[in-house]
């Protein structure tokens, strides 16, 4: 009788523990993932959870948004994509220099901002270069073009008009915000969005 009671007690405690652990994980309180990384939208490494900012957002989604400080707007106003790896699948790091390349994006306005992975906050530096956007980006080539590039590095490059500072960031993520996105990207992001690419150029310690 005592053995059976202990067995039931252990099973009950295990169930409670598993439930609490899963709730903490799904709400983002016990995970290093960004809110969008729990979703099933993945466009060339840029991932999103389209439940964020929608009426279908579950309590777990709302908890993740609150935990990471993301002010999720309605999807008709903004959608969000996050990426934490370069084109080779390696973690983005302030010890490396990257080339971010892109073009026109399906929205009225867009921005890409760098956040520390550990706390989902802007890194502590005074470079005033933590993002690029549709207004500030310097376009390449002839007038009327859409192609652009930006260098991500801890120090300002001398030959790059567009720079995102990763100084004091350690590892980091890039958050792409599409403001007033097109209906097409909201309905079929994989077929519509042509997101920026991230090429690793060099890292500290590379052979000369």
Foldseek 3Di string as FASTA:
>chain_A
DVVVVVVVVVVVVVVVVVVVVVLCVLLVVPDLDQLQVVADDAALQWGGHLLFQDPNNDPSSVSRCVQLVPPGHHVQFKGKTKHQAANVRHGAFQQFKKKKKDFDWQAPKKKKFKAASRRNHHFPDDPPQGMDMPVRFDADDDPPGTIGMEMEHCDDDPPHPHYHHCNRRGTIMMMMMGGSGDPCCSVPVNVHGDGIHMGTDGGPPDDD
